[in-house]
């Protein structure tokens, strides 16, 4: 199982709508609101990085009200 953290920036007035959508995503294991440049940080899990990429592109970035995302890949040292 692969996982990444995604920062999500939302257009003004869309915060509740986007939060509801993120909370319903089966791939989203954690959803936390933020204050500052980004509005949410979410932990996404998938079988492969390709699965995670599809989730980000097709389910998150395509949602009305999502202005930008930044993905941070977890690594092990």
N, C-alpha and C. Protein backbone atom coordinates (compact mmCIF):
# COMPACT_ATOMS: atom_id res chain seq x y z
N UNK A 1 0.84 -1.17 0.00
CA UNK A 1 0.00 0.00 0.00
C UNK A 1 0.89 1.24 0.00
N UNK A 2 0.59 2.16 -0.88
CA UNK A 2 1.33 3.41 -0.98
C UNK A 2 0.49 4.52 -0.34
N UNK A 3 1.18 5.56 0.15
CA UNK A 3 0.43 6.70 0.69
C UNK A 3 1.18 7.99 0.42
N UNK A 4 0.42 9.06 0.27
CA UNK A 4 0.97 10.40 0.08
C UNK A 4 0.12 11.37 0.89
N UNK A 5 0.66 12.56 1.10
CA UNK A 5 -0.10 13.64 1.71
C UNK A 5 -0.35 14.68 0.63
N UNK A 6 -1.56 15.21 0.60
CA UNK A 6 -1.94 16.19 -0.41
C UNK A 6 -2.46 17.44 0.29
N UNK A 7 -1.86 18.57 -0.06
CA UNK A 7 -2.35 19.87 0.39
C UNK A 7 -3.36 20.34 -0.65
N UNK A 8 -4.50 20.85 -0.19
CA UNK A 8 -5.56 21.27 -1.10
C UNK A 8 -5.90 22.74 -0.82
N UNK A 9 -5.84 23.55 -1.88
CA UNK A 9 -6.27 24.95 -1.78
C UNK A 9 -7.65 25.05 -2.42
N UNK A 10 -8.56 25.74 -1.75
CA UNK A 10 -9.96 25.82 -2.17
C UNK A 10 -10.32 27.27 -2.49
N UNK A 11 -11.16 27.45 -3.51
CA UNK A 11 -11.67 28.78 -3.83
C UNK A 11 -12.58 29.25 -2.69
N UNK A 12 -12.61 30.56 -2.44
CA UNK A 12 -13.46 31.08 -1.37
C UNK A 12 -14.91 30.62 -1.52
N UNK A 13 -15.52 30.31 -0.41
CA UNK A 13 -16.92 29.86 -0.25
C UNK A 13 -17.13 28.38 -0.58
N UNK A 14 -16.11 27.66 -1.03
CA UNK A 14 -16.24 26.24 -1.37
C UNK A 14 -15.71 25.31 -0.27
N UNK A 15 -15.29 25.86 0.85
CA UNK A 15 -14.65 25.06 1.89
C UNK A 15 -15.52 23.89 2.37
N UNK A 16 -16.76 24.16 2.70
CA UNK A 16 -17.63 23.09 3.22
C UNK A 16 -17.91 22.03 2.16
N UNK A 17 -18.15 22.46 0.93
CA UNK A 17 -18.43 21.52 -0.16
C UNK A 17 -17.24 20.60 -0.40
N UNK A 18 -16.04 21.18 -0.47
CA UNK A 18 -14.85 20.37 -0.73
C UNK A 18 -14.55 19.47 0.47
N UNK A 19 -14.73 19.97 1.68
CA UNK A 19 -14.51 19.13 2.87
C UNK A 19 -15.43 17.91 2.85
N UNK A 20 -16.69 18.12 2.51
CA UNK A 20 -17.63 17.00 2.44
C UNK A 20 -17.20 15.97 1.40
N UNK A 21 -16.75 16.44 0.24
CA UNK A 21 -16.29 15.52 -0.81
C UNK A 21 -15.06 14.75 -0.35
N UNK A 22 -14.08 15.45 0.22
CA UNK A 22 -12.85 14.78 0.67
C UNK A 22 -13.16 13.74 1.74
N UNK A 23 -14.07 14.06 2.63
CA UNK A 23 -14.41 13.15 3.72
C UNK A 23 -15.08 11.87 3.24
N UNK A 24 -15.69 11.92 2.07
CA UNK A 24 -16.37 10.75 1.51
C UNK A 24 -15.47 9.88 0.65
N UNK A 25 -14.28 10.36 0.30
CA UNK A 25 -13.37 9.59 -0.55
C UNK A 25 -12.85 8.37 0.20
N UNK A 26 -13.05 7.18 -0.34
CA UNK A 26 -12.55 5.98 0.32
C UNK A 26 -11.03 5.97 0.38
N UNK A 27 -10.37 6.64 -0.57
CA UNK A 27 -8.90 6.68 -0.60
C UNK A 27 -8.33 7.65 0.43
N UNK A 28 -9.14 8.57 0.93
CA UNK A 28 -8.69 9.57 1.91
C UNK A 28 -8.78 8.97 3.30
N UNK A 29 -7.65 8.66 3.88
CA UNK A 29 -7.61 8.05 5.21
C UNK A 29 -7.63 9.09 6.32
N UNK A 30 -7.22 10.32 6.02
CA UNK A 30 -7.25 11.42 6.98
C UNK A 30 -7.58 12.70 6.22
N UNK A 31 -8.40 13.56 6.81
CA UNK A 31 -8.71 14.88 6.25
C UNK A 31 -8.65 15.88 7.40
N UNK A 32 -7.77 16.87 7.26
CA UNK A 32 -7.59 17.87 8.32
C UNK A 32 -7.67 19.27 7.73
N UNK A 33 -8.48 20.15 8.31
CA UNK A 33 -8.51 21.54 7.85
C UNK A 33 -7.26 22.28 8.31
N UNK A 34 -6.86 23.27 7.51
CA UNK A 34 -5.69 24.09 7.81
C UNK A 34 -6.07 25.56 7.71
N UNK A 35 -5.24 26.42 8.23
CA UNK A 35 -5.36 27.86 8.04
C UNK A 35 -4.07 28.32 7.40
N UNK A 36 -4.17 29.12 6.36
CA UNK A 36 -2.99 29.62 5.68
C UNK A 36 -3.12 29.43 4.19
N UNK A 37 -2.00 29.15 3.54
CA UNK A 37 -1.98 29.04 2.07
C UNK A 37 -2.88 27.91 1.57
N UNK A 38 -2.94 26.80 2.29
CA UNK A 38 -3.79 25.67 1.91
C UNK A 38 -4.90 25.50 2.93
N UNK A 39 -5.99 24.90 2.49
CA UNK A 39 -7.17 24.75 3.33
C UNK A 39 -7.31 23.38 3.98
N UNK A 40 -6.74 22.36 3.34
CA UNK A 40 -6.82 20.99 3.87
C UNK A 40 -5.53 20.24 3.61
N UNK A 41 -5.22 19.29 4.48
CA UNK A 41 -4.19 18.30 4.21
C UNK A 41 -4.88 16.94 4.35
N UNK A 42 -4.66 16.09 3.36
CA UNK A 42 -5.29 14.78 3.38
C UNK A 42 -4.24 13.70 3.14
N UNK A 43 -4.46 12.56 3.73
CA UNK A 43 -3.61 11.39 3.49
C UNK A 43 -4.38 10.48 2.54
N UNK A 44 -3.76 10.20 1.40
CA UNK A 44 -4.36 9.35 0.38
C UNK A 44 -3.60 8.03 0.33
N UNK A 45 -4.33 6.93 0.28
CA UNK A 45 -3.71 5.61 0.13
C UNK A 45 -4.23 4.94 -1.13
N UNK A 46 -3.35 4.14 -1.75
CA UNK A 46 -3.72 3.37 -2.93
C UNK A 46 -2.77 2.20 -3.08
N UNK A 47 -3.15 1.27 -3.94
CA UNK A 47 -2.28 0.10 -4.15
C UNK A 47 -0.96 0.49 -4.82
N UNK A 48 -1.02 1.44 -5.75
CA UNK A 48 0.18 1.90 -6.46
C UNK A 48 0.15 3.42 -6.55
N UNK A 49 1.29 3.99 -6.96
CA UNK A 49 1.33 5.43 -7.17
C UNK A 49 0.40 5.83 -8.32
N UNK A 50 0.22 4.96 -9.30
CA UNK A 50 -0.72 5.24 -10.39
C UNK A 50 -2.14 5.37 -9.87
N UNK A 51 -2.54 4.50 -8.93
CA UNK A 51 -3.87 4.60 -8.32
C UNK A 51 -4.03 5.94 -7.60
N UNK A 52 -3.00 6.33 -6.89
CA UNK A 52 -3.03 7.60 -6.15
C UNK A 52 -3.12 8.77 -7.13
N UNK A 53 -2.35 8.71 -8.20
CA UNK A 53 -2.38 9.76 -9.21
C UNK A 53 -3.78 9.92 -9.80
N UNK A 54 -4.42 8.79 -10.11
CA UNK A 54 -5.79 8.85 -10.65
C UNK A 54 -6.75 9.48 -9.64
N UNK A 55 -6.60 9.13 -8.38
CA UNK A 55 -7.47 9.72 -7.35
C UNK A 55 -7.29 11.23 -7.30
N UNK A 56 -6.05 11.68 -7.32
CA UNK A 56 -5.79 13.12 -7.23
C UNK A 56 -6.33 13.84 -8.46
N UNK A 57 -6.04 13.32 -9.65
CA UNK A 57 -6.45 13.99 -10.88
C UNK A 57 -7.95 13.90 -11.14
N UNK A 58 -8.52 12.72 -10.97
CA UNK A 58 -9.91 12.49 -11.37
C UNK A 58 -10.93 12.79 -10.28
N UNK A 59 -10.54 12.68 -9.02
CA UNK A 59 -11.51 12.86 -7.95
C UNK A 59 -11.31 14.15 -7.15
N UNK A 60 -10.08 14.62 -7.04
CA UNK A 60 -9.83 15.80 -6.21
C UNK A 60 -9.68 17.05 -7.08
N UNK A 61 -8.72 17.04 -7.99
CA UNK A 61 -8.47 18.25 -8.80
C UNK A 61 -9.64 18.60 -9.71
N UNK A 62 -10.45 17.63 -10.06
CA UNK A 62 -11.58 17.91 -10.95
C UNK A 62 -12.81 18.45 -10.20
N UNK A 63 -12.77 18.44 -8.88
CA UNK A 63 -13.91 18.91 -8.07
C UNK A 63 -14.05 20.43 -8.19
N UNK A 64 -15.27 20.88 -8.42
CA UNK A 64 -15.53 22.31 -8.48
C UNK A 64 -15.16 22.94 -7.13
N UNK A 65 -14.40 24.00 -7.19
CA UNK A 65 -13.99 24.69 -5.98
C UNK A 65 -12.55 24.41 -5.58
N UNK A 66 -11.94 23.36 -6.11
CA UNK A 66 -10.54 23.07 -5.82
C UNK A 66 -9.68 23.95 -6.72
N UNK A 67 -8.85 24.79 -6.11
CA UNK A 67 -8.02 25.72 -6.86
C UNK A 67 -6.64 25.14 -7.17
N UNK A 68 -6.07 24.36 -6.24
CA UNK A 68 -4.72 23.82 -6.43
C UNK A 68 -4.48 22.69 -5.43
N UNK A 69 -3.53 21.84 -5.80
CA UNK A 69 -3.08 20.79 -4.89
C UNK A 69 -1.56 20.73 -4.93
N UNK A 70 -0.99 20.21 -3.87
CA UNK A 70 0.45 19.95 -3.80
C UNK A 70 0.59 18.60 -3.13
N UNK A 71 1.26 17.67 -3.81
CA UNK A 71 1.40 16.31 -3.31
C UNK A 71 2.79 16.10 -2.72
N UNK A 72 2.83 15.50 -1.54
CA UNK A 72 4.08 15.21 -0.87
C UNK A 72 4.16 13.68 -0.70
N UNK A 73 5.20 13.12 -1.31
CA UNK A 73 5.37 11.67 -1.29
C UNK A 73 6.17 11.29 -0.05
N UNK A 74 5.66 10.30 0.67
CA UNK A 74 6.34 9.78 1.86
C UNK A 74 7.48 8.89 1.42
N UNK A 75 8.65 9.07 2.02
CA UNK A 75 9.79 8.21 1.71
C UNK A 75 10.34 7.61 2.99
N UNK A 76 11.11 6.58 2.84
CA UNK A 76 11.79 5.95 3.98
C UNK A 76 13.29 6.10 3.79
N UNK A 77 13.98 6.33 4.89
CA UNK A 77 15.44 6.44 4.84
C UNK A 77 16.06 5.23 5.45
